[in-house]
Amino acid sequence: QPFCRTCDRARLTADGVLIIQHDSTVDRTTEATGPVIDRTLSELKALDAAYRFAEGCWSCPDRPDEEYIYRGVRTGDTAPPEGAVPDDFTIQTFAEIVERFPLTAFDIEIKGDFPQALDVAEQLALEIDQFGLTENVVVVSFDDDIVAAFGEMAPDVELSPGTSAMTTWLLAGADLDEGMRIVQVPPFFGAIEVINPAFWARVEATGVTVWMW
């Protein structure tokens, strides 16, 4: 059974700070444009991460201004909702997330490809150890080389397979790397239906736990 968790996407800032940010740019969710890696943490923190949030849509660019209910909270132009402060509406560091939710189990995706994302993997391994999270995290990447590299950096941390390993496991009957107990899949991958009877038969035969995204 999946345990209670939150899914985080890890990247580095220009000054080497580990942050939680899905996209490689700030275009879709903030008032700014450009790659995350080109900005320092302080520059990213100044951005309004709720700029394009409308109820029912995280990053719709074409709604009327009044529907962006949290726009301006980060910059002080709009009052925060009850119980919140402006800092809640900025891009968060991994350390801030861990400190705020110390009892939460984390499902962490390393964003980027090999070898560019090795710096992200190295910093993540360091902070997992620093915060004593080894027994409380699962790490994954679409890139199997990044998963393998991270496994060498943090051999005691639970891993999920990347795209190639998942494909050969499911379609060619290949074994997962020893110790991998959790597979993470979407209902569809492009036009391919992933969650189907053949998938569940493979799951049952292997004895893995399934997390869907």
C-alpha atoms as a PDB file:
ATOM      1  CA  GLN A   1       0.000   0.000   0.000  1.00  0.00           C
ATOM      2  CA  PRO A   2       1.315   3.519  -0.749  1.00  0.00           C
ATOM      3  CA  PHE A   3       2.180   5.505   2.355  1.00  0.00           C
ATOM      4  CA  CYS A   4       1.148   9.119   2.833  1.00  0.00           C
ATOM      5  CA  ARG A   5       3.423  11.270   0.737  1.00  0.00           C
ATOM      6  CA  THR A   6       3.953  14.440  -1.245  1.00  0.00           C
ATOM      7  CA  CYS A   7       5.598  14.587  -4.641  1.00  0.00           C
ATOM      8  CA  ASP A   8       8.430  17.097  -5.063  1.00  0.00           C
ATOM      9  CA  ARG A   9      10.390  18.041  -8.181  1.00  0.00           C
ATOM     10  CA  ALA A  10      13.956  18.968  -7.359  1.00  0.00           C
ATOM     11  CA  ARG A  11      16.121  21.480  -9.262  1.00  0.00           C
ATOM     12  CA  LEU A  12      19.064  23.756  -8.494  1.00  0.00           C
ATOM     13  CA  THR A  13      19.222  27.550  -8.589  1.00  0.00           C
ATOM     14  CA  ALA A  14      22.092  29.481 -10.182  1.00  0.00           C
ATOM     15  CA  ASP A  15      23.767  29.663  -6.764  1.00  0.00           C
ATOM     16  CA  GLY A  16      23.375  25.946  -6.087  1.00  0.00           C
ATOM     17  CA  VAL A  17      20.332  25.856  -3.784  1.00  0.00           C
ATOM     18  CA  LEU A  18      17.992  22.856  -4.032  1.00  0.00           C
ATOM     19  CA  ILE A  19      14.448  24.022  -4.756  1.00  0.00           C
ATOM     20  CA  ILE A  20      11.102  22.422  -5.508  1.00  0.00           C
ATOM     21  CA  GLN A  21      10.018  23.479  -9.006  1.00  0.00           C
ATOM     22  CA  HIS A  22       8.319  21.406 -11.701  1.00  0.00           C
ATOM     23  CA  ASP A  23       9.234  23.347 -14.844  1.00  0.00           C
ATOM     24  CA  SER A  24      12.721  24.211 -16.079  1.00  0.00           C
ATOM     25  CA  THR A  25      11.537  27.806 -16.581  1.00  0.00           C
ATOM     26  CA  VAL A  26       9.489  30.227 -14.494  1.00  0.00           C
ATOM     27  CA  ASP A  27       7.251  31.166 -17.431  1.00  0.00           C
ATOM     28  CA  ARG A  28       4.170  29.093 -16.680  1.00  0.00           C
ATOM     29  CA  THR A  29       3.533  29.987 -13.039  1.00  0.00           C
ATOM     30  CA  THR A  30       5.134  33.392 -12.354  1.00  0.00           C
ATOM     31  CA  GLU A  31       5.124  36.904 -13.810  1.00  0.00           C
ATOM     32  CA  ALA A  32       8.641  36.398 -15.198  1.00  0.00           C
ATOM     33  CA  THR A  33      10.272  34.356 -17.975  1.00  0.00           C
ATOM     34  CA  GLY A  34      13.478  32.401 -18.402  1.00  0.00           C
ATOM     35  CA  PRO A  35      15.288  29.306 -17.098  1.00  0.00           C
ATOM     36  CA  VAL A  36      15.281  28.527 -13.383  1.00  0.00           C
ATOM     37  CA  ILE A  37      19.012  27.784 -13.470  1.00  0.00           C
ATOM     38  CA  ASP A  38      19.768  31.341 -14.603  1.00  0.00           C
ATOM     39  CA  ARG A  39      18.378  32.872 -11.391  1.00  0.00           C
ATOM     40  CA  THR A  40      19.734  32.891  -7.860  1.00  0.00           C
ATOM     41  CA  LEU A  41      17.571  31.832  -4.942  1.00  0.00           C
ATOM     42  CA  SER A  42      16.933  35.441  -3.939  1.00  0.00           C
ATOM     43  CA  GLU A  43      15.837  36.286  -7.483  1.00  0.00           C
ATOM     44  CA  LEU A  44      13.482  33.310  -7.576  1.00  0.00           C
ATOM     45  CA  LYS A  45      12.110  34.114  -4.132  1.00  0.00           C
ATOM     46  CA  ALA A  46      11.105  37.571  -5.337  1.00  0.00           C
ATOM     47  CA  LEU A  47       8.761  36.076  -7.942  1.00  0.00           C
ATOM     48  CA  ASP A  48       5.028  35.543  -7.473  1.00  0.00           C
ATOM     49  CA  ALA A  49       4.623  31.759  -7.738  1.00  0.00           C
ATOM     50  CA  ALA A  50       0.819  32.089  -7.608  1.00  0.00           C
ATOM     51  CA  TYR A  51       0.689  34.628 -10.435  1.00  0.00           C
ATOM     52  CA  ARG A  52      -1.190  32.290 -12.791  1.00  0.00           C
ATOM     53  CA  PHE A  53      -3.163  30.280 -10.243  1.00  0.00           C
ATOM     54  CA  ALA A  54      -6.913  30.367 -10.806  1.00  0.00           C
ATOM     55  CA  GLU A  55      -9.396  28.180  -8.976  1.00  0.00           C
ATOM     56  CA  GLY A  56      -9.540  24.868 -10.803  1.00  0.00           C
ATOM     57  CA  CYS A  57      -6.490  25.672 -12.936  1.00  0.00           C
ATOM     58  CA  TRP A  58      -2.927  26.002 -11.702  1.00  0.00           C
ATOM     59  CA  SER A  59      -1.453  27.875 -14.647  1.00  0.00           C
ATOM     60  CA  CYS A  60      -4.093  29.078 -17.081  1.00  0.00           C
ATOM     61  CA  PRO A  61      -2.780  32.194 -18.880  1.00  0.00           C
ATOM     62  CA  ASP A  62      -6.032  33.570 -20.281  1.00  0.00           C
ATOM     63  CA  ARG A  63      -8.405  34.003 -17.338  1.00  0.00           C
ATOM     64  CA  PRO A  64      -9.812  37.419 -16.309  1.00  0.00           C
ATOM     65  CA  ASP A  65      -7.539  39.148 -13.790  1.00  0.00           C
ATOM     66  CA  GLU A  66     -10.054  38.778 -10.957  1.00  0.00           C
ATOM     67  CA  GLU A  67      -9.879  34.976 -11.214  1.00  0.00           C
ATOM     68  CA  TYR A  68      -6.229  34.902 -10.188  1.00  0.00           C
ATOM     69  CA  ILE A  69      -7.212  34.916  -6.553  1.00  0.00           C
ATOM     70  CA  TYR A  70      -3.712  34.859  -5.036  1.00  0.00           C
ATOM     71  CA  ARG A  71      -1.936  37.078  -7.555  1.00  0.00           C
ATOM     72  CA  GLY A  72      -0.027  39.792  -5.752  1.00  0.00           C
ATOM     73  CA  VAL A  73       0.021  38.166  -2.318  1.00  0.00           C
ATOM     74  CA  ARG A  74       3.726  37.391  -2.688  1.00  0.00           C
ATOM     75  CA  THR A  75       4.580  40.969  -3.666  1.00  0.00           C
ATOM     76  CA  GLY A  76       2.377  42.629  -1.037  1.00  0.00           C
ATOM     77  CA  ASP A  77      -0.139  44.012  -3.540  1.00  0.00           C
ATOM     78  CA  THR A  78      -2.890  41.697  -2.268  1.00  0.00           C
ATOM     79  CA  ALA A  79      -3.695  40.711   1.317  1.00  0.00           C
ATOM     80  CA  PRO A  80      -2.955  37.047   2.083  1.00  0.00           C
ATOM     81  CA  PRO A  81      -5.828  34.714   2.929  1.00  0.00           C
ATOM     82  CA  GLU A  82      -6.426  33.906   6.566  1.00  0.00           C
ATOM     83  CA  GLY A  83      -3.643  31.808   8.037  1.00  0.00           C
ATOM     84  CA  ALA A  84      -1.186  32.562   5.220  1.00  0.00           C
ATOM     85  CA  VAL A  85       1.749  34.937   4.754  1.00  0.00           C
ATOM     86  CA  PRO A  86       3.371  36.270   1.557  1.00  0.00           C
ATOM     87  CA  ASP A  87       6.278  33.823   1.825  1.00  0.00           C
ATOM     88  CA  ASP A  88       3.805  30.960   1.318  1.00  0.00           C
ATOM     89  CA  PHE A  89       3.381  32.103  -2.298  1.00  0.00           C
ATOM     90  CA  THR A  90       6.971  31.872  -3.441  1.00  0.00           C
ATOM     91  CA  ILE A  91       9.138  29.082  -4.843  1.00  0.00           C
ATOM     92  CA  GLN A  92      10.212  26.870  -1.934  1.00  0.00           C
ATOM     93  CA  THR A  93      13.551  25.292  -1.146  1.00  0.00           C
ATOM     94  CA  PHE A  94      13.733  21.602  -0.318  1.00  0.00           C
ATOM     95  CA  ALA A  95      14.912  22.536   3.167  1.00  0.00           C
ATOM     96  CA  GLU A  96      11.871  24.752   3.737  1.00  0.00           C
ATOM     97  CA  ILE A  97       9.500  21.968   2.695  1.00  0.00           C
ATOM     98  CA  VAL A  98      11.185  19.455   4.991  1.00  0.00           C
ATOM     99  CA  GLU A  99      11.240  21.843   7.940  1.00  0.00           C
ATOM    100  CA  ARG A 100       7.575  22.721   7.491  1.00  0.00           C
ATOM    101  CA  PHE A 101       6.405  19.123   7.073  1.00  0.00           C
ATOM    102  CA  PRO A 102       8.836  17.066   9.160  1.00  0.00           C
ATOM    103  CA  LEU A 103       6.572  14.014   9.444  1.00  0.00           C
ATOM    104  CA  THR A 104       5.664  13.768   5.768  1.00  0.00           C
ATOM    105  CA  ALA A 105       7.102  11.056   3.522  1.00  0.00           C
ATOM    106  CA  PHE A 106       8.465  12.506   0.278  1.00  0.00           C
ATOM    107  CA  ASP A 107       8.339  11.209  -3.272  1.00  0.00           C
ATOM    108  CA  ILE A 108      11.116  13.202  -4.958  1.00  0.00           C
ATOM    109  CA  GLU A 109      11.645  13.452  -8.696  1.00  0.00           C
ATOM    110  CA  ILE A 110      15.034  14.689  -9.905  1.00  0.00           C
ATOM    111  CA  LYS A 111      14.288  16.912 -12.881  1.00  0.00           C
ATOM    112  CA  GLY A 112      16.652  17.037 -15.861  1.00  0.00           C
ATOM    113  CA  ASP A 113      18.750  14.588 -17.813  1.00  0.00           C
ATOM    114  CA  PHE A 114      22.102  12.884 -17.399  1.00  0.00           C
ATOM    115  CA  PRO A 115      24.708  14.263 -16.928  1.00  0.00           C
ATOM    116  CA  GLN A 116      23.350  17.794 -16.392  1.00  0.00           C
ATOM    117  CA  ALA A 117      21.198  16.743 -13.426  1.00  0.00           C
ATOM    118  CA  LEU A 118      24.055  15.080 -11.532  1.00  0.00           C
ATOM    119  CA  ASP A 119      24.544  18.249  -9.488  1.00  0.00           C
ATOM    120  CA  VAL A 120      20.880  18.056  -8.458  1.00  0.00           C
ATOM    121  CA  ALA A 121      21.277  14.401  -7.482  1.00  0.00           C
ATOM    122  CA  GLU A 122      24.403  15.126  -5.456  1.00  0.00           C
ATOM    123  CA  GLN A 123      22.795  17.990  -3.531  1.00  0.00           C
ATOM    124  CA  LEU A 124      19.640  15.974  -2.923  1.00  0.00           C
ATOM    125  CA  ALA A 125      21.657  13.057  -1.533  1.00  0.00           C
ATOM    126  CA  LEU A 126      23.487  15.468   0.763  1.00  0.00           C
ATOM    127  CA  GLU A 127      20.297  17.057   2.094  1.00  0.00           C
ATOM    128  CA  ILE A 128      18.487  13.748   2.559  1.00  0.00           C
ATOM    129  CA  ASP A 129      21.368  12.684   4.772  1.00  0.00           C
ATOM    130  CA  GLN A 130      21.546  16.066   6.493  1.00  0.00           C
ATOM    131  CA  PHE A 131      17.857  16.008   7.434  1.00  0.00           C
ATOM    132  CA  GLY A 132      17.829  12.314   8.380  1.00  0.00           C
ATOM    133  CA  LEU A 133      15.302  11.430   5.663  1.00  0.00           C
ATOM    134  CA  THR A 134      16.833   8.192   4.385  1.00  0.00           C
ATOM    135  CA  GLU A 135      13.937   6.072   5.671  1.00  0.00           C
ATOM    136  CA  ASN A 136      11.318   8.613   4.665  1.00  0.00           C
ATOM    137  CA  VAL A 137      11.873   9.301   0.960  1.00  0.00           C
ATOM    138  CA  VAL A 138      11.580   7.674  -2.444  1.00  0.00           C
ATOM    139  CA  VAL A 139      13.629   9.133  -5.301  1.00  0.00           C
ATOM    140  CA  VAL A 140      12.854   8.802  -9.012  1.00  0.00           C
ATOM    141  CA  SER A 141      13.759  10.357 -12.361  1.00  0.00           C
ATOM    142  CA  PHE A 142      12.593   9.807 -15.919  1.00  0.00           C
ATOM    143  CA  ASP A 143      16.281   9.279 -16.758  1.00  0.00           C
ATOM    144  CA  ASP A 144      17.503   5.842 -15.650  1.00  0.00           C
ATOM    145  CA  ASP A 145      21.130   7.031 -15.622  1.00  0.00           C
ATOM    146  CA  ILE A 146      20.206   9.651 -13.036  1.00  0.00           C
ATOM    147  CA  VAL A 147      18.421   7.031 -10.926  1.00  0.00           C
ATOM    148  CA  ALA A 148      21.515   4.805 -11.084  1.00  0.00           C
ATOM    149  CA  ALA A 149      23.874   7.657 -10.261  1.00  0.00           C
ATOM    150  CA  PHE A 150      21.765   8.746  -7.303  1.00  0.00           C
ATOM    151  CA  GLY A 151      21.665   5.152  -6.066  1.00  0.00           C
ATOM    152  CA  GLU A 152      25.464   5.163  -5.901  1.00  0.00           C
ATOM    153  CA  MET A 153      25.432   8.461  -3.998  1.00  0.00           C
ATOM    154  CA  ALA A 154      22.760   7.337  -1.510  1.00  0.00           C
ATOM    155  CA  PRO A 155      22.615   3.521  -1.555  1.00  0.00           C
ATOM    156  CA  ASP A 156      20.190   3.275   1.374  1.00  0.00           C
ATOM    157  CA  VAL A 157      17.511   5.497  -0.167  1.00  0.00           C
ATOM    158  CA  GLU A 158      14.478   3.844  -1.810  1.00  0.00           C
ATOM    159  CA  LEU A 159      14.408   4.273  -5.608  1.00  0.00           C
ATOM    160  CA  SER A 160      11.783   3.928  -8.325  1.00  0.00           C
ATOM    161  CA  PRO A 161      12.772   2.999 -11.894  1.00  0.00           C
ATOM    162  CA  GLY A 162      13.044   5.492 -14.732  1.00  0.00           C
ATOM    163  CA  THR A 163      11.247   5.331 -18.067  1.00  0.00           C
ATOM    164  CA  SER A 164      13.483   2.826 -19.864  1.00  0.00           C
ATOM    165  CA  ALA A 165      13.620   0.408 -16.934  1.00  0.00           C
ATOM    166  CA  MET A 166       9.857   0.626 -16.494  1.00  0.00           C
ATOM    167  CA  THR A 167       9.280  -0.026 -20.204  1.00  0.00           C
ATOM    168  CA  THR A 168      11.487  -3.112 -20.374  1.00  0.00           C
ATOM    169  CA  TRP A 169      10.047  -4.407 -17.089  1.00  0.00           C
ATOM    170  CA  LEU A 170       6.497  -4.076 -18.343  1.00  0.00           C
ATOM    171  CA  LEU A 171       6.839  -4.970 -22.026  1.00  0.00           C
ATOM    172  CA  ALA A 172       9.855  -7.276 -22.150  1.00  0.00           C
ATOM    173  CA  GLY A 173       9.627  -9.013 -18.782  1.00  0.00           C
ATOM    174  CA  ALA A 174      12.971  -7.631 -17.586  1.00  0.00           C
ATOM    175  CA  ASP A 175      13.750  -7.542 -13.870  1.00  0.00           C
ATOM    176  CA  LEU A 176      13.845  -4.292 -11.939  1.00  0.00           C
ATOM    177  CA  ASP A 177      17.069  -3.430 -10.162  1.00  0.00           C
ATOM    178  CA  GLU A 178      17.423  -5.261  -6.876  1.00  0.00           C
ATOM    179  CA  GLY A 179      15.611  -3.535  -4.041  1.00  0.00           C
ATOM    180  CA  MET A 180      13.192  -1.510  -6.189  1.00  0.00           C
ATOM    181  CA  ARG A 181       9.760  -2.068  -4.683  1.00  0.00           C
ATOM    182  CA  ILE A 182       7.724   0.882  -5.977  1.00  0.00           C
ATOM    183  CA  VAL A 183       6.764   1.637  -9.583  1.00  0.00           C
ATOM    184  CA  GLN A 184       5.345   5.041 -10.472  1.00  0.00           C
ATOM    185  CA  VAL A 185       3.159   5.275 -13.567  1.00  0.00           C
ATOM    186  CA  PRO A 186       0.458   7.413 -15.194  1.00  0.00           C
ATOM    187  CA  PRO A 187      -2.817   5.930 -16.499  1.00  0.00           C
ATOM    188  CA  PHE A 188      -1.626   6.986 -19.986  1.00  0.00           C
ATOM    189  CA  PHE A 189       1.855   7.794 -21.299  1.00  0.00           C
ATOM    190  CA  GLY A 190       1.076   9.827 -24.410  1.00  0.00           C
ATOM    191  CA  ALA A 191      -1.351   7.675 -26.371  1.00  0.00           C
ATOM    192  CA  ILE A 192      -0.248   4.464 -24.651  1.00  0.00           C
ATOM    193  CA  GLU A 193      -2.606   3.031 -22.047  1.00  0.00           C
ATOM    194  CA  VAL A 194      -0.382   1.988 -19.139  1.00  0.00           C
ATOM    195  CA  ILE A 195      -2.924   0.888 -16.547  1.00  0.00           C
ATOM    196  CA  ASN A 196      -4.495  -2.171 -18.129  1.00  0.00           C
ATOM    197  CA  PRO A 197      -4.956  -5.879 -17.273  1.00  0.00           C
ATOM    198  CA  ALA A 198      -1.469  -6.784 -18.555  1.00  0.00           C
ATOM    199  CA  PHE A 199       0.025  -4.160 -16.258  1.00  0.00           C
ATOM    200  CA  TRP A 200      -1.790  -5.509 -13.207  1.00  0.00           C
ATOM    201  CA  ALA A 201      -0.745  -9.055 -14.089  1.00  0.00           C
ATOM    202  CA  ARG A 202       2.886  -7.919 -14.184  1.00  0.00           C
ATOM    203  CA  VAL A 203       2.457  -6.103 -10.879  1.00  0.00           C
ATOM    204  CA  GLU A 204       0.986  -9.193  -9.238  1.00  0.00           C
ATOM    205  CA  ALA A 205       3.742 -11.423 -10.593  1.00  0.00           C
ATOM    206  CA  THR A 206       6.464  -9.067  -9.392  1.00  0.00           C
ATOM    207  CA  GLY A 207       4.925  -8.028  -6.076  1.00  0.00           C
ATOM    208  CA  VAL A 208       5.665  -4.321  -6.444  1.00  0.00           C
ATOM    209  CA  THR A 209       3.638  -1.434  -5.045  1.00  0.00           C
ATOM    210  CA  VAL A 210       2.068   0.985  -7.560  1.00  0.00           C
ATOM    211  CA  TRP A 211       1.933   4.748  -7.223  1.00  0.00           C
ATOM    212  CA  MET A 212      -0.047   6.526  -9.949  1.00  0.00           C
ATOM    213  CA  TRP A 213       0.575  10.067 -11.130  1.00  0.00           C
END
